[in-house]
C-alpha atoms as a PDB file:
ATOM      1  CA  MET A   1     -20.503 -23.861 -36.341  1.00  0.00           C
ATOM      2  CA  PRO A   2     -18.782 -23.061 -33.021  1.00  0.00           C
ATOM      3  CA  LEU A   3     -19.254 -19.620 -31.519  1.00  0.00           C
ATOM      4  CA  ILE A   4     -16.291 -17.533 -30.373  1.00  0.00           C
ATOM      5  CA  LEU A   5     -17.228 -14.864 -27.825  1.00  0.00           C
ATOM      6  CA  MET A   6     -15.195 -11.824 -26.811  1.00  0.00           C
ATOM      7  CA  LEU A   7     -16.368  -9.638 -23.956  1.00  0.00           C
ATOM      8  CA  ALA A   8     -14.533  -6.321 -24.075  1.00  0.00           C
ATOM      9  CA  ALA A   9     -15.292  -5.508 -20.456  1.00  0.00           C
ATOM     10  CA  LEU A  10     -13.899  -8.858 -19.342  1.00  0.00           C
ATOM     11  CA  ALA A  11     -10.416  -8.245 -20.683  1.00  0.00           C
ATOM     12  CA  ALA A  12      -7.716  -9.804 -18.543  1.00  0.00           C
ATOM     13  CA  GLN A  13      -7.212  -7.669 -15.481  1.00  0.00           C
ATOM     14  CA  PRO A  14      -3.629  -6.541 -14.887  1.00  0.00           C
ATOM     15  CA  PRO A  15      -1.723  -7.179 -11.665  1.00  0.00           C
ATOM     16  CA  ASN A  16      -3.373  -5.252  -8.853  1.00  0.00           C
ATOM     17  CA  THR A  17      -0.558  -4.891  -6.369  1.00  0.00           C
ATOM     18  CA  VAL A  18       0.562  -1.563  -4.931  1.00  0.00           C
ATOM     19  CA  SER A  19       2.852   0.554  -2.743  1.00  0.00           C
ATOM     20  CA  PRO A  20       3.787   4.270  -2.628  1.00  0.00           C
ATOM     21  CA  VAL A  21       5.652   6.496  -5.046  1.00  0.00           C
ATOM     22  CA  VAL A  22       5.340   9.818  -6.842  1.00  0.00           C
ATOM     23  CA  VAL A  23       5.630   9.630 -10.597  1.00  0.00           C
ATOM     24  CA  THR A  24       5.891  11.925 -13.610  1.00  0.00           C
ATOM     25  CA  GLY A  25       5.405  11.483 -17.325  1.00  0.00           C
ATOM     26  CA  VAL A  26       8.401   9.895 -18.963  1.00  0.00           C
ATOM     27  CA  THR A  27       9.130  13.071 -20.942  1.00  0.00           C
ATOM     28  CA  ALA A  28       9.715  14.951 -17.673  1.00  0.00           C
ATOM     29  CA  PRO A  29      12.406  14.189 -15.075  1.00  0.00           C
ATOM     30  CA  ALA A  30      11.360  11.201 -12.994  1.00  0.00           C
ATOM     31  CA  THR A  31      10.462  11.957  -9.396  1.00  0.00           C
ATOM     32  CA  THR A  32      12.946  10.463  -6.936  1.00  0.00           C
ATOM     33  CA  VAL A  33      11.595   8.354  -4.097  1.00  0.00           C
ATOM     34  CA  ARG A  34      13.904   8.137  -1.077  1.00  0.00           C
ATOM     35  CA  MET A  35      13.790   5.091   1.155  1.00  0.00           C
ATOM     36  CA  ASP A  36      14.372   6.916   4.397  1.00  0.00           C
ATOM     37  CA  GLY A  37      11.572   5.312   6.431  1.00  0.00           C
ATOM     38  CA  LYS A  38      10.272   8.704   7.588  1.00  0.00           C
ATOM     39  CA  ASP A  39       6.726   8.292   6.284  1.00  0.00           C
ATOM     40  CA  PRO A  40       4.261   5.420   5.693  1.00  0.00           C
ATOM     41  CA  ALA A  41       4.786   5.560   1.936  1.00  0.00           C
ATOM     42  CA  SER A  42       8.544   5.086   2.021  1.00  0.00           C
ATOM     43  CA  ARG A  43       8.249   2.435   4.746  1.00  0.00           C
ATOM     44  CA  ALA A  44       5.885   0.475   2.518  1.00  0.00           C
ATOM     45  CA  ILE A  45       8.325   0.851  -0.373  1.00  0.00           C
ATOM     46  CA  MET A  46      11.065  -0.643   1.759  1.00  0.00           C
ATOM     47  CA  ASP A  47       8.782  -3.469   2.814  1.00  0.00           C
ATOM     48  CA  ALA A  48       8.438  -4.490  -0.840  1.00  0.00           C
ATOM     49  CA  TRP A  49      12.003  -3.506  -1.870  1.00  0.00           C
ATOM     50  CA  PRO A  50      13.389  -6.303  -4.072  1.00  0.00           C
ATOM     51  CA  SER A  51      15.895  -8.299  -2.055  1.00  0.00           C
ATOM     52  CA  PRO A  52      18.925  -7.995  -4.374  1.00  0.00           C
ATOM     53  CA  ALA A  53      18.528  -4.213  -4.441  1.00  0.00           C
ATOM     54  CA  TYR A  54      17.716  -4.115  -0.737  1.00  0.00           C
ATOM     55  CA  ASP A  55      20.898  -5.962   0.153  1.00  0.00           C
ATOM     56  CA  SER A  56      23.156  -3.765  -1.987  1.00  0.00           C
ATOM     57  CA  THR A  57      21.321  -0.403  -1.568  1.00  0.00           C
ATOM     58  CA  GLN A  58      21.463   0.158  -5.331  1.00  0.00           C
ATOM     59  CA  ASP A  59      19.226   2.595  -7.198  1.00  0.00           C
ATOM     60  CA  GLY A  60      16.726   1.643  -9.887  1.00  0.00           C
ATOM     61  CA  ARG A  61      14.704   3.176 -12.694  1.00  0.00           C
ATOM     62  CA  VAL A  62      11.615   1.769 -14.407  1.00  0.00           C
ATOM     63  CA  VAL A  63       9.521   3.009 -17.314  1.00  0.00           C
ATOM     64  CA  LEU A  64       5.954   1.713 -17.221  1.00  0.00           C
ATOM     65  CA  SER A  65       3.374   1.752 -19.973  1.00  0.00           C
ATOM     66  CA  CYS A  66       0.116   2.411 -18.130  1.00  0.00           C
ATOM     67  CA  ARG A  67      -3.559   2.715 -18.949  1.00  0.00           C
ATOM     68  CA  VAL A  68      -4.373   5.994 -17.211  1.00  0.00           C
ATOM     69  CA  ASP A  69      -8.053   6.783 -16.615  1.00  0.00           C
ATOM     70  CA  ARG A  70      -9.792  10.160 -16.686  1.00  0.00           C
ATOM     71  CA  HIS A  71      -9.035  10.618 -12.983  1.00  0.00           C
ATOM     72  CA  GLY A  72      -5.294  10.264 -13.592  1.00  0.00           C
ATOM     73  CA  LEU A  73      -5.080   6.821 -11.943  1.00  0.00           C
ATOM     74  CA  ALA A  74      -2.916   4.090 -13.443  1.00  0.00           C
ATOM     75  CA  GLU A  75      -5.506   1.325 -13.766  1.00  0.00           C
ATOM     76  CA  TRP A  76      -3.147  -1.122 -15.457  1.00  0.00           C
ATOM     77  CA  CYS A  77       0.586  -1.084 -16.212  1.00  0.00           C
ATOM     78  CA  GLU A  78       3.279  -3.197 -17.801  1.00  0.00           C
ATOM     79  CA  VAL A  79       7.046  -2.771 -17.641  1.00  0.00           C
ATOM     80  CA  ALA A  80       8.521  -1.122 -20.741  1.00  0.00           C
ATOM     81  CA  SER A  81      12.086  -1.018 -19.384  1.00  0.00           C
ATOM     82  CA  GLU A  82      13.954  -1.332 -16.108  1.00  0.00           C
ATOM     83  CA  SER A  83      17.460  -0.670 -14.893  1.00  0.00           C
ATOM     84  CA  PRO A  84      19.283  -2.568 -13.578  1.00  0.00           C
ATOM     85  CA  LYS A  85      17.666  -5.626 -15.076  1.00  0.00           C
ATOM     86  CA  GLY A  86      16.915  -8.588 -12.861  1.00  0.00           C
ATOM     87  CA  ALA A  87      16.970  -6.657  -9.573  1.00  0.00           C
ATOM     88  CA  GLY A  88      13.201  -6.662  -9.150  1.00  0.00           C
ATOM     89  CA  PHE A  89      12.517  -2.964  -9.695  1.00  0.00           C
ATOM     90  CA  GLY A  90      10.014  -3.605 -12.492  1.00  0.00           C
ATOM     91  CA  GLU A  91       7.921  -5.863 -10.285  1.00  0.00           C
ATOM     92  CA  LEU A  92       8.117  -3.331  -7.473  1.00  0.00           C
ATOM     93  CA  ALA A  93       6.933  -0.521  -9.738  1.00  0.00           C
ATOM     94  CA  LEU A  94       3.960  -2.651 -10.806  1.00  0.00           C
ATOM     95  CA  GLN A  95       3.114  -3.233  -7.160  1.00  0.00           C
ATOM     96  CA  MET A  96       2.873   0.537  -6.759  1.00  0.00           C
ATOM     97  CA  ARG A  97       0.245   1.024  -9.449  1.00  0.00           C
ATOM     98  CA  MET A  98      -2.399   2.458  -7.103  1.00  0.00           C
ATOM     99  CA  LEU A  99       0.009   5.181  -5.989  1.00  0.00           C
ATOM    100  CA  LEU A 100       0.642   6.400  -9.526  1.00  0.00           C
ATOM    101  CA  LYS A 101      -1.712   9.379  -9.821  1.00  0.00           C
ATOM    102  CA  VAL A 102      -0.859  11.798 -12.615  1.00  0.00           C
ATOM    103  CA  THR A 103      -2.466  14.555 -14.654  1.00  0.00           C
ATOM    104  CA  PRO A 104      -4.874  12.666 -16.937  1.00  0.00           C
ATOM    105  CA  PRO A 105      -4.648  12.926 -20.714  1.00  0.00           C
ATOM    106  CA  ARG A 106      -7.191  15.272 -22.294  1.00  0.00           C
ATOM    107  CA  GLY A 107      -9.396  15.084 -25.356  1.00  0.00           C
ATOM    108  CA  PRO A 108     -11.614  17.721 -26.969  1.00  0.00           C
ATOM    109  CA  ASP A 109     -14.251  17.302 -24.225  1.00  0.00           C
ATOM    110  CA  GLY A 110     -12.018  16.909 -21.176  1.00  0.00           C
ATOM    111  CA  PRO A 111     -10.008  14.146 -19.456  1.00  0.00           C
ATOM    112  CA  ILE A 112      -9.917  10.789 -21.233  1.00  0.00           C
ATOM    113  CA  MET A 113      -8.463   7.323 -20.735  1.00  0.00           C
ATOM    114  CA  ALA A 114      -5.236   6.695 -22.642  1.00  0.00           C
ATOM    115  CA  THR A 115      -2.049   4.653 -22.505  1.00  0.00           C
ATOM    116  CA  MET A 116       0.851   6.712 -21.152  1.00  0.00           C
ATOM    117  CA  PRO A 117       4.534   6.072 -20.385  1.00  0.00           C
ATOM    118  CA  LEU A 118       5.387   6.757 -16.727  1.00  0.00           C
ATOM    119  CA  ALA A 119       8.893   6.842 -15.308  1.00  0.00           C
ATOM    120  CA  VAL A 120       9.574   5.763 -11.727  1.00  0.00           C
ATOM    121  CA  GLU A 121      12.997   6.277 -10.146  1.00  0.00           C
ATOM    122  CA  PHE A 122      14.015   4.625  -6.891  1.00  0.00           C
ATOM    123  CA  LYS A 123      16.868   5.965  -4.810  1.00  0.00           C
ATOM    124  CA  SER A 124      18.166   4.153  -1.767  1.00  0.00           C
ATOM    125  CA  THR A 125      19.463   5.924   1.312  1.00  0.00           C
ATOM    126  CA  ASP A 126      23.085   6.175   2.379  1.00  0.00           C
ATOM    127  CA  GLU A 127      22.096   4.481   5.627  1.00  0.00           C
ATOM    128  CA  HIS A 128      21.279   0.848   4.951  1.00  0.00           C
ATOM    129  CA  PRO A 129      17.666   0.222   6.058  1.00  0.00           C
ATOM    130  CA  SER A 130      18.170  -3.338   7.242  1.00  0.00           C
ATOM    131  CA  THR A 131      17.009  -3.059  10.841  1.00  0.00           C
ATOM    132  CA  GLN A 132      13.588  -3.947  12.199  1.00  0.00           C
ATOM    133  CA  ALA A 133      12.891  -0.270  12.950  1.00  0.00           C
ATOM    134  CA  TYR A 134      12.561   0.340   9.223  1.00  0.00           C
ATOM    135  CA  ARG A 135      10.254  -2.595   8.505  1.00  0.00           C
ATOM    136  CA  PRO A 136       6.508  -1.861   8.794  1.00  0.00           C
ATOM    137  CA  HIS A 137       5.354  -5.482   8.783  1.00  0.00           C
ATOM    138  CA  ASP A 138       7.656  -8.295   9.868  1.00  0.00           C
ATOM    139  CA  ALA A 139      11.369  -7.762   9.413  1.00  0.00           C
ATOM    140  CA  LEU A 140      12.365 -11.076  10.939  1.00  0.00           C
ATOM    141  CA  GLN A 141       9.959 -13.232   8.916  1.00  0.00           C
ATOM    142  CA  PRO A 142       9.187 -11.443   5.629  1.00  0.00           C
ATOM    143  CA  ASP A 143       7.824 -14.658   4.114  1.00  0.00           C
ATOM    144  CA  SER A 144       4.944 -14.496   6.618  1.00  0.00           C
ATOM    145  CA  VAL A 145       3.536 -11.356   4.939  1.00  0.00           C
ATOM    146  CA  ASN A 146       1.110 -11.237   2.011  1.00  0.00           C
ATOM    147  CA  ILE A 147       0.189  -7.946   0.340  1.00  0.00           C
ATOM    148  CA  TRP A 148      -3.008  -8.651  -1.592  1.00  0.00           C
ATOM    149  CA  ASN A 149      -4.303  -5.876  -3.809  1.00  0.00           C
ATOM    150  CA  ASP A 150      -7.107  -7.509  -5.744  1.00  0.00           C
ATOM    151  CA  PRO A 151      -9.450  -8.868  -3.048  1.00  0.00           C
ATOM    152  CA  VAL A 152     -13.031  -9.803  -3.788  1.00  0.00           C
ATOM    153  CA  TRP A 153     -15.230  -7.772  -1.467  1.00  0.00           C
ATOM    154  CA  ALA A 154     -18.197  -9.267   0.379  1.00  0.00           C
ATOM    155  CA  GLN A 155     -19.110  -5.727   1.428  1.00  0.00           C
ATOM    156  CA  ALA A 156     -17.899  -2.278   0.400  1.00  0.00           C
ATOM    157  CA  PRO A 157     -18.983   1.360   0.837  1.00  0.00           C
ATOM    158  CA  ARG A 158     -21.797   2.758  -1.299  1.00  0.00           C
ATOM    159  CA  PHE A 159     -22.145   6.097  -3.028  1.00  0.00           C
ATOM    160  CA  GLU A 160     -24.075   7.558  -0.087  1.00  0.00           C
ATOM    161  CA  ASP A 161     -21.266   6.503   2.263  1.00  0.00           C
ATOM    162  CA  LEU A 162     -18.786   8.542   0.216  1.00  0.00           C
ATOM    163  CA  ALA A 163     -21.074  11.569   0.356  1.00  0.00           C
ATOM    164  CA  ARG A 164     -21.548  11.172   4.112  1.00  0.00           C
ATOM    165  CA  VAL A 165     -17.835  11.194   4.993  1.00  0.00           C
ATOM    166  CA  TYR A 166     -16.707  13.851   2.505  1.00  0.00           C
ATOM    167  CA  PRO A 167     -14.687  16.186   4.769  1.00  0.00           C
ATOM    168  CA  ALA A 168     -15.836  19.701   5.617  1.00  0.00           C
ATOM    169  CA  GLY A 169     -12.360  20.868   4.634  1.00  0.00           C
ATOM    170  CA  GLY A 170     -12.627  19.273   1.200  1.00  0.00           C
ATOM    171  CA  ARG A 171     -13.564  22.633  -0.351  1.00  0.00           C
ATOM    172  CA  GLY A 172     -15.289  21.038  -3.297  1.00  0.00           C
ATOM    173  CA  VAL A 173     -12.217  19.285  -4.717  1.00  0.00           C
ATOM    174  CA  GLU A 174     -11.805  15.564  -5.365  1.00  0.00           C
ATOM    175  CA  GLY A 175      -9.553  13.719  -2.940  1.00  0.00           C
ATOM    176  CA  TYR A 176      -7.690  10.460  -3.356  1.00  0.00           C
ATOM    177  CA  VAL A 177      -6.466   8.108  -0.628  1.00  0.00           C
ATOM    178  CA  VAL A 178      -4.830   4.674  -0.579  1.00  0.00           C
ATOM    179  CA  LEU A 179      -5.301   2.702   2.643  1.00  0.00           C
ATOM    180  CA  HIS A 180      -3.015  -0.161   3.665  1.00  0.00           C
ATOM    181  CA  CYS A 181      -4.885  -2.477   6.063  1.00  0.00           C
ATOM    182  CA  LEU A 182      -4.540  -5.839   7.762  1.00  0.00           C
ATOM    183  CA  THR A 183      -7.421  -8.240   7.142  1.00  0.00           C
ATOM    184  CA  GLY A 184      -8.336 -10.908   9.649  1.00  0.00           C
ATOM    185  CA  ALA A 185     -10.071 -14.274   9.533  1.00  0.00           C
ATOM    186  CA  SER A 186     -13.507 -12.597   9.457  1.00  0.00           C
ATOM    187  CA  GLY A 187     -12.565 -10.399   6.499  1.00  0.00           C
ATOM    188  CA  GLY A 188     -12.687  -7.174   8.500  1.00  0.00           C
ATOM    189  CA  LEU A 189      -9.931  -4.539   8.346  1.00  0.00           C
ATOM    190  CA  SER A 190      -7.618  -3.326  11.103  1.00  0.00           C
ATOM    191  CA  ASP A 191      -4.288  -1.501  11.588  1.00  0.00           C
ATOM    192  CA  CYS A 192      -4.958   0.747   8.590  1.00  0.00           C
ATOM    193  CA  THR A 193      -2.230   3.133   7.422  1.00  0.00           C
ATOM    194  CA  ILE A 194      -2.653   5.984   4.960  1.00  0.00           C
ATOM    195  CA  LEU A 195      -0.174   5.314   2.161  1.00  0.00           C
ATOM    196  CA  LYS A 196      -1.231   8.181  -0.067  1.00  0.00           C
ATOM    197  CA  GLU A 197      -3.417  11.236   0.489  1.00  0.00           C
ATOM    198  CA  THR A 198      -3.931  13.995  -2.045  1.00  0.00           C
ATOM    199  CA  PRO A 199      -4.475  16.828  -1.620  1.00  0.00           C
ATOM    200  CA  ILE A 200      -2.915  17.005   1.845  1.00  0.00           C
ATOM    201  CA  GLY A 201      -4.578  18.977   4.626  1.00  0.00           C
ATOM    202  CA  HIS A 202      -8.216  18.615   3.529  1.00  0.00           C
ATOM    203  CA  GLY A 203      -9.174  15.685   5.771  1.00  0.00           C
ATOM    204  CA  PHE A 204      -9.439  13.013   3.074  1.00  0.00           C
ATOM    205  CA  GLY A 205      -7.218  10.581   5.000  1.00  0.00           C
ATOM    206  CA  ARG A 206      -9.484  10.754   8.055  1.00  0.00           C
ATOM    207  CA  ALA A 207     -12.515  10.342   5.783  1.00  0.00           C
ATOM    208  CA  ALA A 208     -11.009   7.150   4.320  1.00  0.00           C
ATOM    209  CA  LEU A 209     -10.435   5.725   7.789  1.00  0.00           C
ATOM    210  CA  ARG A 210     -14.123   6.349   8.596  1.00  0.00           C
ATOM    211  CA  LEU A 211     -15.003   4.022   5.719  1.00  0.00           C
ATOM    212  CA  LYS A 212     -12.916   1.155   7.113  1.00  0.00           C
ATOM    213  CA  PRO A 213     -15.873  -0.652   8.800  1.00  0.00           C
ATOM    214  CA  LYS A 214     -17.737  -0.666   5.482  1.00  0.00           C
ATOM    215  CA  PHE A 215     -15.150  -2.936   3.826  1.00  0.00           C
ATOM    216  CA  LEU A 216     -15.320  -6.703   4.287  1.00  0.00           C
ATOM    217  CA  VAL A 217     -13.105  -9.108   2.339  1.00  0.00           C
ATOM    218  CA  ASP A 218     -14.734 -12.232   0.914  1.00  0.00           C
ATOM    219  CA  THR A 219     -12.574 -14.752   2.774  1.00  0.00           C
ATOM    220  CA  ARG A 220     -13.739 -17.556   0.481  1.00  0.00           C
ATOM    221  CA  ARG A 221     -11.580 -15.994  -2.255  1.00  0.00           C
ATOM    222  CA  GLU A 222      -8.301 -15.394  -0.457  1.00  0.00           C
ATOM    223  CA  PRO A 223      -4.933 -15.977  -2.163  1.00  0.00           C
ATOM    224  CA  PRO A 224      -4.248 -19.688  -2.620  1.00  0.00           C
ATOM    225  CA  HIS A 225      -1.089 -19.535  -0.485  1.00  0.00           C
ATOM    226  CA  ARG A 226      -2.086 -17.249   2.349  1.00  0.00           C
ATOM    227  CA  ARG A 227       0.680 -16.507   4.823  1.00  0.00           C
ATOM    228  CA  THR A 228       0.375 -15.423   8.452  1.00  0.00           C
ATOM    229  CA  LEU A 229      -0.368 -11.750   7.733  1.00  0.00           C
ATOM    230  CA  LEU A 230      -2.608 -10.619   4.900  1.00  0.00           C
ATOM    231  CA  TRP A 231      -2.613  -6.929   3.967  1.00  0.00           C
ATOM    232  CA  VAL A 232      -4.719  -5.145   1.377  1.00  0.00           C
ATOM    233  CA  ASP A 233      -4.243  -1.772  -0.339  1.00  0.00           C
ATOM    234  CA  ILE A 234      -7.474   0.079  -1.131  1.00  0.00           C
ATOM    235  CA  PRO A 235      -7.775   3.070  -3.510  1.00  0.00           C
ATOM    236  CA  ILE A 236     -10.575   5.516  -2.609  1.00  0.00           C
ATOM    237  CA  ARG A 237     -11.696   8.564  -4.585  1.00  0.00           C
ATOM    238  CA  PHE A 238     -13.664  11.305  -2.835  1.00  0.00           C
ATOM    239  CA  PRO A 239     -15.624  13.456  -5.296  1.00  0.00           C
ATOM    240  CA  PRO A 240     -17.810  16.194  -3.794  1.00  0.00           C
ATOM    241  CA  ALA A 241     -21.401  15.015  -3.255  1.00  0.00           C
ATOM    242  CA  SER A 242     -22.624  17.171  -6.147  1.00  0.00           C
ATOM    243  CA  GLN A 243     -20.171  15.447  -8.505  1.00  0.00           C
ATOM    244  CA  ILE A 244     -20.708  11.811  -7.516  1.00  0.00           C
ATOM    245  CA  ASP A 245     -21.279   9.849 -10.714  1.00  0.00           C
ATOM    246  CA  ARG A 246     -23.053   6.511 -10.356  1.00  0.00           C
ATOM    247  CA  VAL A 247     -21.803   5.301 -13.730  1.00  0.00           C
ATOM    248  CA  VAL A 248     -19.198   2.601 -13.056  1.00  0.00           C
ATOM    249  CA  ASP A 249     -16.362   3.113 -15.555  1.00  0.00           C
ATOM    250  CA  ALA A 250     -13.895   0.481 -14.331  1.00  0.00           C
ATOM    251  CA  PRO A 251     -15.659  -2.641 -13.045  1.00  0.00           C
ATOM    252  CA  ILE A 252     -13.707  -5.708 -11.996  1.00  0.00           C
ATOM    253  CA  TRP A 253     -15.648  -8.783 -13.071  1.00  0.00           C
ATOM    254  CA  VAL A 254     -15.693 -11.688 -10.620  1.00  0.00           C
ATOM    255  CA  ALA A 255     -18.225 -13.863 -12.468  1.00  0.00           C
ATOM    256  CA  GLY A 256     -18.842 -14.178 -16.183  1.00  0.00           C
ATOM    257  CA  PHE A 257     -21.275 -15.884 -18.491  1.00  0.00           C
ATOM    258  CA  ASP A 258     -21.008 -19.479 -19.641  1.00  0.00           C
ATOM    259  CA  ALA A 259     -19.638 -19.367 -23.187  1.00  0.00           C
ATOM    260  CA  ARG A 260     -21.051 -22.841 -23.876  1.00  0.00           C
ATOM    261  CA  SER A 261     -24.610 -21.695 -23.250  1.00  0.00           C
ATOM    262  CA  ALA A 262     -23.997 -18.329 -24.919  1.00  0.00           C
ATOM    263  CA  ILE A 263     -23.670 -20.052 -28.291  1.00  0.00           C
ATOM    264  CA  LYS A 264     -27.452 -20.138 -28.397  1.00  0.00           C
ATOM    265  CA  LEU A 265     -27.614 -16.335 -28.291  1.00  0.00           C
ATOM    266  CA  PHE A 266     -25.869 -15.562 -31.564  1.00  0.00           C
ATOM    267  CA  PRO A 267     -28.625 -13.644 -33.393  1.00  0.00           C
ATOM    268  CA  PRO A 268     -30.337 -15.907 -35.952  1.00  0.00           C
ATOM    269  CA  GLU A 269     -31.143 -12.869 -38.100  1.00  0.00           C
ATOM    270  CA  ALA A 270     -27.404 -12.123 -38.322  1.00  0.00           C
ATOM    271  CA  ALA A 271     -26.605 -15.715 -39.232  1.00  0.00           C
ATOM    272  CA  ALA A 272     -29.322 -15.616 -41.894  1.00  0.00           C
ATOM    273  CA  GLU A 273     -27.616 -12.579 -43.430  1.00  0.00           C
ATOM    274  CA  LYS A 274     -24.282 -14.440 -43.326  1.00  0.00           C
ATOM    275  CA  VAL A 275     -22.930 -11.869 -40.816  1.00  0.00           C
ATOM    276  CA  THR A 276     -20.338 -13.654 -38.683  1.00  0.00           C
ATOM    277  CA  SER A 277     -19.353 -10.874 -36.244  1.00  0.00           C
ATOM    278  CA  GLY A 278     -21.157  -8.123 -34.369  1.00  0.00           C
ATOM    279  CA  ARG A 279     -20.931  -5.948 -31.308  1.00  0.00           C
ATOM    280  CA  GLY A 280     -23.753  -5.231 -28.907  1.00  0.00           C
ATOM    281  CA  VAL A 281     -23.874  -2.782 -26.010  1.00  0.00           C
ATOM    282  CA  ALA A 282     -26.097  -3.055 -22.938  1.00  0.00           C
ATOM    283  CA  ARG A 283     -26.608  -0.728 -19.991  1.00  0.00           C
ATOM    284  CA  CYS A 284     -27.339  -2.393 -16.645  1.00  0.00           C
ATOM    285  CA  GLN A 285     -28.017  -1.553 -13.030  1.00  0.00           C
ATOM    286  CA  ILE A 286     -25.708  -3.096 -10.420  1.00  0.00           C
ATOM    287  CA  ALA A 287     -27.333  -4.796  -7.443  1.00  0.00           C
ATOM    288  CA  SER A 288     -25.987  -4.812  -3.883  1.00  0.00           C
ATOM    289  CA  ASP A 289     -24.205  -8.136  -4.490  1.00  0.00           C
ATOM    290  CA  GLY A 290     -22.579  -6.928  -7.721  1.00  0.00           C
ATOM    291  CA  SER A 291     -24.927  -8.803 -10.073  1.00  0.00           C
ATOM    292  CA  LEU A 292     -26.335  -6.988 -13.096  1.00  0.00           C
ATOM    293  CA  ARG A 293     -30.062  -6.429 -13.516  1.00  0.00           C
ATOM    294  CA  ALA A 294     -32.476  -4.518 -15.732  1.00  0.00           C
ATOM    295  CA  CYS A 295     -30.045  -4.752 -18.669  1.00  0.00           C
ATOM    296  CA  ARG A 296     -31.310  -2.962 -21.747  1.00  0.00           C
ATOM    297  CA  PRO A 297     -29.910  -2.758 -25.291  1.00  0.00           C
ATOM    298  CA  THR A 298     -28.293   0.584 -26.127  1.00  0.00           C
ATOM    299  CA  GLY A 299     -26.434   0.078 -29.390  1.00  0.00           C
ATOM    300  CA  GLU A 300     -24.986  -2.381 -31.867  1.00  0.00           C
ATOM    301  CA  GLU A 301     -22.818  -2.784 -34.954  1.00  0.00           C
ATOM    302  CA  PRO A 302     -24.079  -3.710 -37.469  1.00  0.00           C
ATOM    303  CA  SER A 303     -27.505  -2.413 -36.585  1.00  0.00           C
ATOM    304  CA  GLY A 304     -30.812  -4.226 -36.803  1.00  0.00           C
ATOM    305  CA  LEU A 305     -29.458  -7.760 -36.454  1.00  0.00           C
ATOM    306  CA  GLY A 306     -30.081  -8.476 -32.764  1.00  0.00           C
ATOM    307  CA  PHE A 307     -26.589  -8.025 -31.325  1.00  0.00           C
ATOM    308  CA  SER A 308     -27.684  -5.495 -28.681  1.00  0.00           C
ATOM    309  CA  GLU A 309     -30.449  -7.797 -27.457  1.00  0.00           C
ATOM    310  CA  ALA A 310     -27.942 -10.656 -27.190  1.00  0.00           C
ATOM    311  CA  ALA A 311     -25.569  -8.397 -25.267  1.00  0.00           C
ATOM    312  CA  ALA A 312     -28.312  -7.494 -22.789  1.00  0.00           C
ATOM    313  CA  LYS A 313     -29.066 -11.165 -22.124  1.00  0.00           C
ATOM    314  CA  LEU A 314     -25.392 -12.057 -21.662  1.00  0.00           C
ATOM    315  CA  ALA A 315     -24.633  -9.020 -19.483  1.00  0.00           C
ATOM    316  CA  GLY A 316     -27.331 -10.109 -17.050  1.00  0.00           C
ATOM    317  CA  THR A 317     -25.211 -13.127 -16.089  1.00  0.00           C
ATOM    318  CA  LEU A 318     -22.167 -11.065 -15.017  1.00  0.00           C
ATOM    319  CA  ARG A 319     -21.199 -10.012 -11.501  1.00  0.00           C
ATOM    320  CA  ALA A 320     -18.889  -7.145 -10.552  1.00  0.00           C
ATOM    321  CA  ASN A 321     -16.614  -6.793  -7.549  1.00  0.00           C
ATOM    322  CA  LEU A 322     -18.088  -4.325  -5.042  1.00  0.00           C
ATOM    323  CA  TRP A 323     -15.221  -1.836  -5.417  1.00  0.00           C
ATOM    324  CA  SER A 324     -14.071  -0.619  -8.810  1.00  0.00           C
ATOM    325  CA  LEU A 325     -10.616  -0.392 -10.338  1.00  0.00           C
ATOM    326  CA  ASP A 326     -10.717   3.414 -10.132  1.00  0.00           C
ATOM    327  CA  GLY A 327     -11.462   3.526  -6.385  1.00  0.00           C
ATOM    328  CA  ALA A 328     -15.245   3.968  -6.392  1.00  0.00           C
ATOM    329  CA  PRO A 329     -18.387   2.136  -5.196  1.00  0.00           C
ATOM    330  CA  VAL A 330     -20.293  -0.242  -7.444  1.00  0.00           C
ATOM    331  CA  SER A 331     -23.582  -1.081  -5.659  1.00  0.00           C
ATOM    332  CA  ASP A 332     -26.585   0.839  -7.024  1.00  0.00           C
ATOM    333  CA  GLY A 333     -24.517   2.122  -9.916  1.00  0.00           C
ATOM    334  CA  GLU A 334     -24.919   1.666 -13.659  1.00  0.00           C
ATOM    335  CA  VAL A 335     -22.488   0.061 -16.071  1.00  0.00           C
ATOM    336  CA  GLU A 336     -22.229  -0.169 -19.839  1.00  0.00           C
ATOM    337  CA  VAL A 337     -21.104  -3.543 -21.139  1.00  0.00           C
ATOM    338  CA  ALA A 338     -19.872  -4.102 -24.695  1.00  0.00           C
ATOM    339  CA  ILE A 339     -19.875  -7.668 -26.008  1.00  0.00           C
ATOM    340  CA  ARG A 340     -18.577  -8.846 -29.359  1.00  0.00           C
ATOM    341  CA  LEU A 341     -19.881 -12.113 -30.755  1.00  0.00           C
ATOM    342  CA  ASN A 342     -17.948 -13.871 -33.507  1.00  0.00           C
ATOM    343  CA  LEU A 343     -19.410 -16.774 -35.427  1.00  0.00           C
ATOM    344  CA  LYS A 344     -16.608 -18.840 -36.817  1.00  0.00           C
ATOM    345  CA  PRO A 345     -17.340 -19.841 -40.392  1.00  0.00           C
ATOM    346  CA  PRO A 346     -17.183 -23.532 -41.203  1.00  0.00           C
ATOM    347  CA  SER A 347     -13.733 -24.693 -42.295  1.00  0.00           C
END
């Protein structure tokens, strides 16, 4: 009887590309983004502006369906509609996911994760931005530029690093910054630009730049078709030290378990009861290399049939990227992993 495994936490990760924009809920008027080249955000927009729209200076509007986390960050999005079709605005809006910070949805106990529609409206300038002065990367050879927003990190800041650089002017609020950096052959970062900083005037942008030496790209996992220049966009949340939570809510898995060997872990007590599906939950510590250790069972459905113990064993074979989807450290944190095991009945 073959075993079919489904790991909830290993769901396919959405496209992780980004650039700058301000966005509102689709029920409110969409915020207009002007491509005037007067700030790093709009310059980055122009750098990724879809070529048909870029050449004709036309406007565009996209509605995204996004998974918004409790911090108001769009962790994953897909295009619900775009206008005009075929001009590339939908792809561009997806590339801007990290910049889409909104008021998070709320439940009875506070902010929650939920799927929300977000509207993004692009407006070109009257002056055609086709000169090199408007292009932040390489106007003459755009094909030489890669913007890579889902790097695997060989090194990344830790929770104590966030606490150390939290700005004196932060005034106890949480800040959010997106850095846009060039990565070299060694994996280090240089030429970093602040694409987004909120709130403004509290020093969070400078704090993010102080973290730059702590990031190191794993160059063994670069894009398969690397071009001359490779840029990365990095989301960083800055909670006050007293509010730093070491529970990792949005891990990005870079190594999973072997489903062929996992077949041996379907609980025999469940099979004996003719139960063909169950869900186990394990809570694990995350080591400095992203591997999971000290995994312990914390819950299961149905209960008493060994699914939580199986989940703990399987979770111990996973490895997380060293920076999470919601812009937070991973090393020395804790993560909850839910694993569903399905035993396919004989045909």
